Protein backbone atom coordinates (compact mmCIF):
# COMPACT_ATOMS: atom_id res chain seq x y z
CA MET A 1 -19.80 28.00 -19.09
CA GLY A 2 -21.15 27.20 -22.57
CA ILE A 3 -20.10 26.59 -26.10
CA ASN A 4 -23.51 26.76 -27.68
CA ASN A 5 -22.28 27.95 -31.07
CA ILE A 6 -19.35 25.62 -31.30
CA LEU A 7 -20.56 23.83 -34.39
CA ASP A 8 -22.15 26.80 -36.20
CA ASN A 9 -19.29 27.44 -38.56
CA ILE A 10 -17.52 24.09 -38.70
CA LYS A 11 -15.88 24.64 -42.11
CA ASP A 12 -14.27 27.89 -41.01
CA ALA A 13 -13.16 26.26 -37.78
CA LYS A 14 -11.51 23.44 -39.73
CA LEU A 15 -9.59 25.89 -41.83
CA ARG A 16 -8.36 27.76 -38.80
CA GLU A 17 -7.46 24.58 -37.03
CA GLN A 18 -5.25 23.52 -39.93
CA GLN A 19 -3.41 26.81 -39.47
CA THR A 20 -2.90 26.44 -35.68
CA ILE A 21 -2.91 22.70 -35.03
CA SER A 22 0.82 22.66 -34.24
CA ALA A 23 0.51 25.28 -31.46
CA SER A 24 1.64 24.06 -28.05
CA THR A 25 -1.08 23.37 -25.51
CA SER A 26 1.13 23.04 -22.44
CA LEU A 27 0.87 25.55 -19.61
CA PRO A 28 3.22 25.31 -16.58
CA GLN A 29 1.54 24.17 -13.41
CA SER A 30 3.33 26.86 -11.51
CA GLU A 31 1.39 29.66 -13.18
CA GLN A 32 -1.71 31.12 -11.62
CA PRO A 33 -5.02 29.89 -13.13
CA SER A 34 -5.89 31.74 -16.29
CA GLY A 35 -9.18 33.56 -16.57
CA ALA A 36 -10.70 30.65 -18.52
CA LEU A 37 -9.46 28.16 -15.97
CA ALA A 38 -10.66 30.22 -13.03
CA ALA A 39 -14.07 30.39 -14.62
CA LEU A 40 -14.22 26.63 -15.05
CA LEU A 41 -13.20 26.12 -11.41
CA GLN A 42 -15.90 28.44 -10.21
CA VAL A 43 -18.56 26.58 -12.19
CA ILE A 44 -17.24 23.26 -10.89
CA SER A 45 -17.08 24.33 -7.19
CA GLU A 46 -20.54 25.99 -7.26
CA GLY A 47 -22.29 23.23 -9.19
CA PRO A 48 -24.66 20.81 -7.45
CA GLU A 49 -22.63 17.83 -8.66
CA PHE A 50 -19.31 18.91 -7.08
CA PRO A 51 -18.09 15.73 -5.38
CA ALA A 52 -18.86 15.87 -1.70
CA PHE A 53 -16.26 13.25 -0.84
CA SER A 54 -17.27 11.03 2.03
CA GLU A 55 -15.91 11.83 5.43
CA ASN A 56 -13.49 8.89 5.43
CA ILE A 57 -11.81 10.11 2.24
CA GLN A 58 -11.40 13.61 3.74
CA GLU A 59 -9.83 11.96 6.81
CA LEU A 60 -7.43 10.03 4.59
CA LEU A 61 -6.31 13.21 2.93
CA THR A 62 -5.29 14.70 6.28
CA ILE A 63 -3.10 11.78 7.35
CA LYS A 64 0.50 12.55 6.42
CA SER A 65 2.75 11.12 9.12
CA HIS A 66 4.20 7.64 9.11
CA SER A 67 3.77 6.59 12.69
CA TYR A 68 2.12 3.39 13.82
CA GLU A 69 -0.91 5.40 14.84
CA SER A 70 -1.21 6.68 11.30
CA VAL A 71 -1.15 3.17 9.90
CA GLN A 72 -3.93 2.17 12.31
CA ALA A 73 -5.92 5.33 11.41
CA VAL A 74 -5.72 4.58 7.67
CA SER A 75 -6.68 0.94 8.26
CA ARG A 76 -9.64 1.93 10.43
CA ILE A 77 -10.91 4.51 7.96
CA ILE A 78 -10.71 2.06 5.01
CA LEU A 79 -12.18 -0.83 7.07
CA ARG A 80 -15.05 1.35 8.08
CA ASP A 81 -16.29 0.97 4.48
CA LEU A 82 -16.33 -2.77 3.64
CA SER A 83 -16.98 -2.04 0.01
CA LEU A 84 -13.85 0.13 -0.20
CA THR A 85 -11.95 -2.55 1.72
CA THR A 86 -12.79 -5.12 -0.88
CA LYS A 87 -11.82 -2.74 -3.69
CA ILE A 88 -8.46 -1.96 -2.10
CA LEU A 89 -7.57 -5.59 -1.40
CA LYS A 90 -8.52 -6.78 -4.88
CA SER A 91 -6.69 -3.86 -6.46
CA VAL A 92 -3.59 -4.55 -4.33
CA ASN A 93 -3.58 -8.17 -5.38
CA SER A 94 -3.97 -7.12 -8.94
CA ILE A 95 -1.08 -4.63 -8.59
CA LEU A 96 1.13 -7.27 -6.96
CA PHE A 97 0.21 -9.83 -9.65
CA LYS A 98 3.29 -12.01 -10.36
CA THR A 99 5.34 -10.13 -7.76
CA TYR A 100 4.49 -11.95 -4.47
CA GLN A 101 3.74 -15.64 -4.09
CA ALA A 102 0.94 -15.10 -1.59
CA GLN A 103 -2.16 -12.95 -1.88
CA VAL A 104 -2.87 -10.08 0.48
CA HIS A 105 -5.96 -10.39 2.69
CA THR A 106 -5.75 -7.61 5.23
CA ILE A 107 -5.35 -3.87 4.88
CA THR A 108 -2.62 -3.97 7.52
CA ASN A 109 -0.53 -6.32 5.37
CA ALA A 110 -1.26 -4.22 2.25
CA ILE A 111 0.13 -1.21 4.03
CA MET A 112 3.20 -3.18 5.14
CA LEU A 113 3.91 -4.24 1.54
CA LEU A 114 3.08 -1.05 -0.42
CA GLY A 115 3.37 1.66 2.26
CA LEU A 116 0.96 3.97 3.92
CA ASP A 117 0.99 6.70 1.26
CA ARG A 118 0.30 4.33 -1.66
CA ILE A 119 -2.63 2.59 0.00
CA ARG A 120 -4.05 5.94 1.00
CA ASP A 121 -3.66 7.28 -2.51
CA MET A 122 -5.19 4.12 -3.97
CA ALA A 123 -8.23 4.42 -1.65
CA ILE A 124 -8.72 8.08 -2.74
CA GLY A 125 -8.18 7.25 -6.42
CA LEU A 126 -10.68 4.43 -6.45
CA ARG A 127 -13.24 6.49 -4.63
CA ILE A 128 -12.81 9.35 -7.11
CA PHE A 129 -13.26 7.00 -10.05
CA GLU A 130 -16.30 5.36 -8.33
CA ASN A 131 -17.79 8.86 -8.13
CA PHE A 132 -17.19 9.56 -11.81
CA ARG A 133 -18.59 6.26 -13.09
CA LYS A 134 -22.03 7.03 -11.46
CA SER A 135 -22.69 9.76 -14.04
CA LYS A 136 -25.84 9.19 -16.06
CA ALA A 137 -25.04 11.98 -18.48
CA LEU A 138 -22.55 10.26 -20.85
CA ASN A 139 -21.70 6.80 -21.86
CA PHE A 140 -18.42 8.43 -22.87
CA LEU A 141 -17.62 9.05 -19.20
CA LYS A 142 -18.13 5.45 -18.19
CA ARG A 143 -15.97 4.36 -21.07
CA SER A 144 -13.27 6.84 -20.02
CA VAL A 145 -13.26 5.37 -16.50
CA LEU A 146 -12.80 1.92 -17.99
CA LEU A 147 -10.02 3.13 -20.24
CA SER A 148 -8.22 4.69 -17.34
CA LEU A 149 -8.46 1.47 -15.26
CA CYS A 150 -7.45 -0.66 -18.20
CA ALA A 151 -4.50 1.61 -19.00
CA ALA A 152 -3.39 1.58 -15.37
CA ILE A 153 -3.23 -2.24 -15.48
CA HIS A 154 -1.50 -2.43 -18.83
CA SER A 155 1.08 0.20 -17.94
CA GLN A 156 2.13 -2.00 -15.07
CA GLU A 157 2.47 -5.02 -17.34
CA LEU A 158 4.59 -2.98 -19.78
CA ALA A 159 6.75 -1.45 -17.02
CA ARG A 160 7.02 -4.58 -14.85
CA GLU A 161 10.54 -5.53 -15.95
CA ASP A 162 11.95 -2.02 -15.51
CA LYS A 163 13.54 -1.64 -12.10
CA ASN A 164 13.21 2.15 -12.27
CA TYR A 165 9.57 1.94 -11.34
CA LYS A 166 7.51 0.78 -8.39
CA ILE A 167 4.61 -0.93 -10.05
CA GLU A 168 2.07 0.48 -7.58
CA GLU A 169 3.21 3.99 -8.43
CA VAL A 170 2.82 3.24 -12.14
CA PHE A 171 -0.75 2.09 -11.44
CA ILE A 172 -1.89 5.22 -9.60
CA THR A 173 -0.02 7.55 -11.94
CA THR A 174 -1.67 6.10 -15.04
CA LEU A 175 -5.04 5.97 -13.31
CA MET A 176 -4.88 9.71 -12.68
CA PHE A 177 -3.24 10.64 -15.98
CA ASN A 178 -6.49 11.55 -17.79
CA VAL A 179 -8.44 12.85 -14.81
CA GLY A 180 -8.93 16.29 -16.58
CA GLU A 181 -10.97 14.50 -19.30
CA LEU A 182 -13.12 12.84 -16.64
CA VAL A 183 -13.64 16.15 -14.82
CA ALA A 184 -14.63 17.90 -18.01
CA ALA A 185 -17.10 15.13 -19.09
CA PHE A 186 -18.59 14.93 -15.60
CA TYR A 187 -19.15 18.63 -14.93
CA PHE A 188 -19.85 19.85 -18.44
CA PRO A 189 -21.60 16.85 -20.10
CA THR A 190 -23.58 18.75 -22.78
CA ASP A 191 -20.65 21.01 -23.84
CA PHE A 192 -18.19 18.14 -23.71
CA GLN A 193 -20.44 16.16 -26.03
CA LYS A 194 -20.16 19.09 -28.48
CA VAL A 195 -16.39 18.99 -28.06
CA LEU A 196 -16.40 15.32 -29.13
CA GLN A 197 -18.55 16.20 -32.15
CA MET A 198 -16.21 19.01 -33.03
CA ALA A 199 -13.20 16.72 -32.76
CA ASP A 200 -14.83 14.20 -34.95
CA GLN A 201 -15.76 16.65 -37.69
CA LEU A 202 -12.44 18.53 -37.58
CA GLY A 203 -10.53 15.21 -37.44
CA ILE A 204 -8.46 16.38 -34.46
CA PRO A 205 -7.77 14.88 -30.98
CA LYS A 206 -10.41 15.67 -28.38
CA GLY A 207 -7.79 17.43 -26.26
CA LYS A 208 -7.20 19.91 -29.06
CA ALA A 209 -10.90 20.39 -29.50
CA PHE A 210 -11.39 20.95 -25.75
CA GLN A 211 -8.67 23.63 -25.56
CA LYS A 212 -10.10 25.32 -28.65
CA ALA A 213 -13.57 25.53 -27.09
CA PHE A 214 -12.64 26.10 -23.41
CA LYS A 215 -9.30 27.95 -23.72
CA VAL A 216 -7.90 25.46 -21.19
CA SER A 217 -6.04 22.15 -21.72
CA LEU A 218 -7.41 18.92 -20.27
CA PRO A 219 -4.14 18.23 -18.35
CA GLU A 220 -4.18 21.73 -16.84
CA LEU A 221 -7.73 21.23 -15.66
CA GLY A 222 -6.93 17.82 -14.26
CA LEU A 223 -3.84 18.95 -12.37
CA ILE A 224 -5.50 21.86 -10.66
CA ILE A 225 -8.54 19.78 -9.69
CA LEU A 226 -6.26 17.14 -8.16
CA LYS A 227 -4.53 19.86 -6.15
CA LYS A 228 -7.89 21.27 -5.11
CA TRP A 229 -8.93 17.79 -3.85
CA GLY A 230 -5.74 17.58 -1.76
CA ILE A 231 -4.01 14.82 -3.66
CA ALA A 232 -0.28 14.43 -2.74
CA ASP A 233 2.02 17.03 -4.35
CA LYS A 234 4.45 14.25 -5.32
CA LEU A 235 1.89 12.63 -7.59
CA ILE A 236 0.75 15.94 -9.03
CA ASP A 237 4.38 16.95 -9.75
CA ARG A 238 4.93 13.60 -11.54
CA LEU A 239 1.81 14.04 -13.63
CA ASN A 240 2.78 17.55 -14.47
CA LEU A 241 6.19 16.43 -15.68
CA LEU A 242 4.67 13.59 -17.71
CA HIS A 243 2.17 15.92 -19.41
CA TYR A 244 4.38 18.89 -20.07
CA GLY A 245 7.94 17.47 -20.16
CA ASN A 246 10.08 16.61 -23.17
CA GLU A 247 12.80 14.26 -24.27
CA ALA A 248 15.36 16.13 -22.11
CA ASP A 249 13.62 14.80 -19.00
CA PRO A 250 15.30 12.08 -16.87
CA PRO A 251 15.23 8.75 -18.82
CA ALA A 252 12.85 7.11 -16.29
CA ILE A 253 10.29 9.87 -16.84
CA VAL A 254 10.69 9.75 -20.66
CA HIS A 255 10.16 5.98 -20.71
CA LEU A 256 7.22 6.13 -18.26
CA ARG A 257 5.58 8.70 -20.56
CA LYS A 258 6.00 6.27 -23.45
CA VAL A 259 4.64 3.41 -21.33
CA ILE A 260 1.55 5.40 -20.38
CA HIS A 261 0.81 6.46 -23.95
CA ALA A 262 1.29 2.85 -25.15
CA SER A 263 -0.98 1.53 -22.45
CA GLN A 264 -3.67 4.02 -23.35
CA GLU A 265 -3.49 3.05 -27.06
CA LEU A 266 -3.56 -0.61 -26.08
CA SER A 267 -6.59 -0.03 -23.90
CA GLU A 268 -8.41 1.73 -26.71
CA MET A 269 -7.80 -1.33 -28.83
CA LEU A 270 -9.12 -3.65 -26.19
CA LEU A 271 -12.36 -1.69 -25.79
CA GLU A 272 -13.02 -1.35 -29.51
CA PRO A 273 -14.94 -3.91 -31.64
CA PRO A 274 -12.77 -6.89 -32.74
CA VAL A 275 -10.32 -6.38 -35.61
CA SER A 276 -8.50 -8.85 -37.75
CA TYR A 277 -5.37 -10.60 -36.58
CA LYS A 278 -3.27 -8.72 -39.17
CA GLU A 279 -4.57 -5.38 -37.90
CA TRP A 280 -3.74 -6.40 -34.44
CA GLN A 281 -0.23 -7.19 -35.49
CA ARG A 282 0.16 -3.85 -37.21
CA ARG A 283 -1.06 -1.93 -34.18
CA ALA A 284 1.00 -4.08 -31.82
CA GLU A 285 4.21 -3.25 -33.75
CA ARG A 286 3.34 0.45 -33.58
CA ILE A 287 2.83 0.29 -29.76
CA CYS A 288 5.95 -1.74 -29.12
CA GLN A 289 8.41 0.17 -31.30
CA PRO A 290 8.82 3.27 -29.04
CA LEU A 291 9.28 0.94 -26.08
CA GLY A 292 12.00 -1.04 -27.71
CA MET A 293 9.97 -4.22 -27.21
CA GLU A 294 9.34 -7.06 -29.66
CA SER A 295 5.69 -7.14 -30.64
CA HIS A 296 5.28 -10.90 -30.17
CA ARG A 297 5.71 -10.37 -26.40
CA LEU A 298 2.58 -8.25 -26.28
CA ALA A 299 0.33 -11.29 -26.37
CA GLY A 300 1.50 -12.39 -22.88
CA PHE A 301 0.99 -8.94 -21.40
CA LEU A 302 -2.50 -8.82 -22.96
CA LYS A 303 -3.61 -12.14 -21.52
CA ASP A 304 -2.60 -11.18 -18.00
CA GLY A 305 -3.84 -7.67 -18.35
CA VAL A 306 -7.30 -8.62 -19.67
CA GLU A 307 -7.87 -11.04 -16.78
CA ARG A 308 -6.81 -8.43 -14.26
CA PHE A 309 -8.98 -5.84 -15.96
CA GLN A 310 -12.08 -8.01 -15.79
CA ALA A 311 -11.45 -8.75 -12.10
CA LEU A 312 -10.97 -5.06 -11.32
CA THR A 313 -14.13 -3.93 -13.18
CA GLU A 314 -16.04 -6.62 -11.28
CA THR A 315 -14.55 -5.27 -8.04
CA ILE A 316 -15.78 -1.73 -8.60
CA ARG A 317 -19.03 -2.95 -10.15
CA ILE A 318 -18.67 -1.58 -13.64
CA ASP A 319 -20.56 -3.75 -16.09
CA ILE A 320 -18.72 -3.83 -19.45
CA GLU A 321 -21.79 -5.07 -21.28
CA ASP A 322 -23.87 -2.27 -19.83
CA ILE A 323 -22.13 0.23 -22.12
CA ASN A 324 -21.78 -2.13 -25.10
CA LEU A 325 -18.06 -2.67 -24.91
CA SER A 326 -16.44 -5.79 -26.23
CA LEU A 327 -13.06 -7.39 -25.88
CA PRO A 328 -11.40 -8.29 -29.21
CA PRO A 329 -9.54 -11.50 -30.01
CA LEU A 330 -5.98 -11.65 -28.77
CA PRO A 331 -3.17 -12.50 -31.17
CA SER A 332 -1.66 -15.34 -29.10
CA ALA A 333 -1.78 -17.91 -31.89
CA SER A 334 -0.60 -17.90 -35.45
CA PRO A 335 -2.94 -16.95 -38.38
CA GLU A 336 -2.54 -20.49 -39.75
CA GLN A 337 -4.06 -21.81 -36.60
CA THR A 338 -7.01 -19.41 -36.67
CA GLY A 339 -7.70 -19.01 -40.39
CA GLY A 340 -6.16 -15.60 -40.55
CA GLU A 341 -7.89 -14.27 -37.46
CA GLY A 342 -6.74 -14.18 -33.87
CA PRO A 343 -8.24 -16.54 -31.33
CA THR A 344 -11.19 -15.43 -29.22
CA ALA A 345 -10.16 -14.38 -25.73
CA VAL A 346 -11.55 -16.75 -23.13
CA LEU A 347 -11.91 -14.92 -19.85
CA PRO A 348 -12.39 -16.48 -16.44
CA VAL A 349 -15.99 -16.72 -15.22
CA ILE A 350 -16.39 -14.91 -11.87
CA THR A 351 -19.04 -16.57 -9.76
CA LYS A 352 -20.84 -15.24 -6.70
CA GLU A 353 -20.54 -16.93 -3.34
CA SER A 354 -22.61 -16.71 -0.21
CA GLU A 355 -21.66 -14.37 2.67
CA ASP A 356 -20.91 -17.36 4.91
CA VAL A 357 -18.59 -18.96 2.36
CA THR A 358 -16.90 -15.58 1.87
CA ARG A 359 -16.25 -15.15 5.57
CA LEU A 360 -15.10 -18.76 5.97
CA ARG A 361 -12.58 -18.31 3.15
CA LEU A 362 -11.43 -14.98 4.54
CA ARG A 363 -10.92 -16.45 8.01
CA TYR A 364 -8.57 -19.11 6.67
CA GLN A 365 -6.75 -16.64 4.52
CA VAL A 366 -6.17 -14.19 7.35
CA LEU A 367 -5.14 -16.97 9.74
CA GLU A 368 -2.60 -18.08 7.18
CA GLU A 369 -1.34 -14.53 6.80
CA ILE A 370 -0.99 -14.14 10.59
CA ASN A 371 0.89 -17.44 10.93
CA LYS A 372 3.38 -16.29 8.26
CA ALA A 373 3.76 -12.99 10.10
CA LEU A 374 4.50 -14.92 13.32
CA ILE A 375 7.12 -17.02 11.61
CA SER A 376 8.69 -13.89 10.13
CA ARG A 377 8.71 -12.37 13.66
CA LEU A 378 6.93 -9.20 12.50
CA PRO A 379 6.25 -6.51 15.15
CA VAL A 380 3.30 -7.24 17.50
CA ASN A 381 1.49 -4.09 16.39
CA GLU A 382 1.39 -5.24 12.81
CA ILE A 383 0.23 -8.75 13.75
CA LEU A 384 -2.44 -7.25 16.02
CA GLY A 385 -3.71 -5.20 13.14
CA MET A 386 -4.20 -8.44 11.09
CA VAL A 387 -5.87 -10.07 14.07
CA MET A 388 -8.38 -7.28 14.41
CA GLU A 389 -9.25 -7.46 10.71
CA GLY A 390 -9.74 -11.21 11.02
CA ILE A 391 -12.07 -10.80 14.00
CA TYR A 392 -14.04 -7.93 12.45
CA ARG A 393 -14.34 -9.05 8.80
CA GLY A 394 -13.85 -12.82 9.21
CA ILE A 395 -16.25 -13.42 12.05
CA GLY A 396 -18.58 -10.52 11.38
CA PHE A 397 -18.91 -8.59 14.62
CA ASP A 398 -20.31 -5.06 14.46
CA ARG A 399 -17.35 -3.75 16.43
CA ALA A 400 -14.11 -5.15 17.65
CA VAL A 401 -11.82 -3.35 20.07
CA PHE A 402 -8.48 -4.37 21.66
CA GLY A 403 -7.73 -2.88 25.09
CA LEU A 404 -4.15 -2.77 26.27
CA VAL A 405 -3.04 -3.10 29.87
CA ASN A 406 -0.49 -0.43 30.96
CA PRO A 407 3.05 -1.51 32.01
CA GLN A 408 2.19 -0.99 35.69
CA ARG A 409 -0.74 -3.41 35.41
CA THR A 410 -3.06 -0.90 37.06
CA GLU A 411 -5.50 -0.14 34.19
CA VAL A 412 -6.78 -1.30 30.84
CA ARG A 413 -7.65 1.11 28.08
CA GLY A 414 -9.09 0.72 24.58
CA ARG A 415 -6.40 1.21 21.91
CA LEU A 416 -7.40 -0.34 18.56
CA GLY A 417 -10.86 -0.74 17.06
CA LEU A 418 -12.86 -1.40 13.96
CA GLY A 419 -16.53 -0.88 13.22
CA GLU A 420 -19.29 1.66 13.50
CA ASP A 421 -18.61 4.67 15.75
CA VAL A 422 -15.61 2.73 17.09
CA GLU A 423 -13.72 5.85 18.14
CA GLU A 424 -16.37 6.46 20.83
CA MET A 425 -16.22 2.78 21.82
CA ILE A 426 -12.49 2.95 22.34
CA SER A 427 -12.81 5.85 24.79
CA LEU A 428 -15.62 4.00 26.70
CA LEU A 429 -13.49 0.87 27.27
CA TYR A 430 -11.47 1.83 30.35
CA ALA A 431 -11.16 0.22 33.77
CA GLN A 432 -8.92 0.31 36.82
CA LEU A 433 -7.57 -3.19 37.57
CA THR A 434 -8.93 -3.20 41.09
CA PRO A 435 -11.90 -5.28 42.35
CA ASN A 436 -14.93 -3.48 40.92
CA ASP A 437 -18.10 -4.15 38.90
CA ASN A 438 -16.60 -3.22 35.54
CA ILE A 439 -16.57 -6.40 33.49
CA LEU A 440 -13.28 -5.52 31.87
CA ALA A 441 -11.49 -5.54 35.22
CA GLN A 442 -13.34 -8.67 36.27
CA ALA A 443 -12.28 -10.52 33.11
CA LEU A 444 -8.62 -9.62 33.62
CA ILE A 445 -8.42 -10.15 37.35
CA ARG A 446 -10.45 -13.41 37.41
CA GLU A 447 -8.84 -14.58 34.09
CA LYS A 448 -12.26 -15.33 32.72
CA GLU A 449 -14.32 -14.61 29.56
CA PHE A 450 -17.75 -13.10 29.83
CA LEU A 451 -20.77 -12.97 27.49
CA ILE A 452 -22.96 -10.03 28.45
CA ASN A 453 -26.58 -10.05 27.23
CA PRO A 454 -28.97 -7.82 29.16
CA GLN A 455 -31.88 -8.88 26.97
CA ALA A 456 -31.64 -12.47 28.22
CA LYS A 457 -30.24 -11.61 31.68
CA PRO A 458 -31.29 -8.12 32.87
CA LYS A 459 -28.70 -8.12 35.64
CA ASP A 460 -25.98 -8.17 32.98
CA ARG A 461 -26.63 -4.46 32.60
CA ASP A 462 -24.70 -3.94 35.85
CA ALA A 463 -21.48 -5.16 34.13
CA MET A 464 -20.96 -1.67 32.56
CA SER A 465 -22.01 1.87 33.38
CA ASP A 466 -25.21 3.50 32.21
CA GLU A 467 -23.12 5.76 30.01
CA PHE A 468 -21.64 2.79 28.26
CA TRP A 469 -25.08 1.35 27.37
CA ARG A 470 -26.38 4.70 26.23
CA VAL A 471 -23.40 5.59 24.01
CA SER A 472 -22.47 2.12 22.75
CA ARG A 473 -25.97 0.97 21.80
CA ALA A 474 -24.59 -2.62 22.15
CA LYS A 475 -27.28 -5.33 22.62
CA THR A 476 -24.78 -8.02 23.55
CA PHE A 477 -20.99 -8.18 23.86
CA PHE A 478 -18.21 -10.56 24.72
CA VAL A 479 -14.87 -9.91 26.42
CA SER A 480 -11.85 -12.25 26.28
CA PRO A 481 -8.71 -11.46 28.35
CA VAL A 482 -5.21 -11.85 26.95
CA LEU A 483 -2.88 -13.26 29.63
CA ILE A 484 0.65 -14.68 29.53
CA ASN A 485 1.52 -16.86 32.51
CA GLY A 486 -1.22 -15.19 34.50
CA VAL A 487 0.01 -11.70 33.63
CA PRO A 488 -2.71 -9.49 32.04
CA MET A 489 -1.62 -7.97 28.75
CA GLY A 490 -4.84 -6.88 27.10
CA ILE A 491 -8.50 -7.71 26.37
CA PHE A 492 -10.66 -8.23 23.29
CA TYR A 493 -14.16 -6.66 23.19
CA VAL A 494 -16.63 -7.57 20.44
CA ASP A 495 -20.28 -6.72 20.15
CA ARG A 496 -23.53 -6.90 18.14
CA LEU A 497 -25.90 -3.93 17.68
CA SER A 498 -28.98 -5.93 16.66
CA PRO A 499 -31.04 -7.89 19.17
CA ASN A 500 -31.72 -10.40 16.43
CA THR A 501 -28.03 -11.30 15.89
CA PRO A 502 -26.75 -13.08 18.96
CA ILE A 503 -23.10 -13.94 19.64
CA THR A 504 -22.93 -17.70 19.11
CA VAL A 505 -20.68 -20.41 20.57
CA GLU A 506 -19.03 -20.67 17.15
CA ASP A 507 -18.29 -16.91 17.16
CA ILE A 508 -16.64 -17.25 20.56
CA GLN A 509 -14.57 -20.24 19.45
CA LEU A 510 -13.37 -18.35 16.39
CA LEU A 511 -12.47 -15.27 18.57
CA GLN A 512 -10.48 -17.52 20.84
CA THR A 513 -8.42 -18.74 17.85
CA PHE A 514 -7.45 -15.12 17.03
CA ARG A 515 -6.84 -14.40 20.73
CA ASN A 516 -4.45 -17.35 21.00
CA LEU A 517 -2.47 -16.04 18.03
CA THR A 518 -2.24 -12.68 19.76
CA ILE A 519 -0.79 -14.41 22.83
CA LEU A 520 1.80 -16.10 20.64
CA ALA A 521 2.73 -12.71 19.21
CA PHE A 522 3.18 -11.22 22.69
CA GLU A 523 5.23 -14.28 23.80
CA SER A 524 7.53 -14.02 20.79
CA ARG A 525 8.19 -10.34 21.61
CA ARG A 526 9.06 -11.18 25.21
CA LYS A 527 11.54 -13.82 24.06
């Protein structure tokens, strides 16, 4: 797919564009792909840069039910990637900005607050955008990723007071709104650069220029790519209506369309070089007028939005300075106070902290979250999910598994787990609760904890089967039984895969704290 001669006759093109510029570009999503669109899709699917989404994203796309097992599956997939976990939690806390008093520190709690589908969609969306921003072909593409993120944040700020919307849905909808532009810039960098040149010389929007060159609209390309990636139909249908609808649509859709367009214009302003205060005022009035909002209120939205934007770009590791973007002054003070210019935006400085400090802070945050869940008498399964995250992320074990004793008290079997190859580990952790050499059975029957370390004590290898040591690759592990009045309920298993990283006394004490909270959760359910 090429447009090598696109700029050859620019004057004739400009004349023709003046004659056809009012033509509609919308194509219903329900129609089969046109020949031009089919050709684009073929180039994209056959190209070497077609996104080979990681296995965990493909797994997320296949999870559609709402059972407890599905919640645990989504949590496990996200937590398998600690980088993605951090992105999701920081994004959730940004989305819930000003809505909840407390911050969210576990994926389990995030799912409880926002729902399984929204957390799954957010994980997929952030991974897609992470893929796009790696492109080395165009600075434009990086800037477009930033604009989409910035617009997603500002659309939430603008829609926050409207009860017709769920703010997390506004975020993901705005984030995906211009995905067609990102796809075009990513897969056709040279030709898309010519489209930008054409738009500049003709003085037309880049979307018009793209359709003129490719015979396909950017929204049409974006919608069909989202469908090809397996994104939820509900989100695709909403985007289709937002792109191709009109004033006869339901009022909530009409207003959301205005909010998204306003947030995009506002984001463009934020990522342009600074302008005068008067110019800001003029643009602010133009943005606010369709929304029925007084322009002086925009300053408050901007302040909150800019801080959230900076935090989110830090989260997904996009350096604003790397692509020479600058944040302009915000009109939060009068011209008299600033000599006719708006004040310079002072953004918070984000400092790095050591891994130990990060884990210490996380442990206290998760413990606080669990205590609140206990007071609120949340289901044991949900509390146990928080406990597992606290053990895995807060203490730093390579794997953490919880085994549950069956109602007959005859066996224990692995049920929940986090960490590398944990699905195999869960299947390995099984024992009959009869006197035998299996350390899981011994821990529950003898009501005793065990630290197993064959490197220091070769006989410890007898604590588990040869198959366990071969498959697990564990160098040392620790088991801690969960008992209530002497009745076995379950067991925690944690391990380390490196011989140079022992399980310390402090690690064990921290694990015991989380185990005790689990016992409280079980006791509250029994009462």
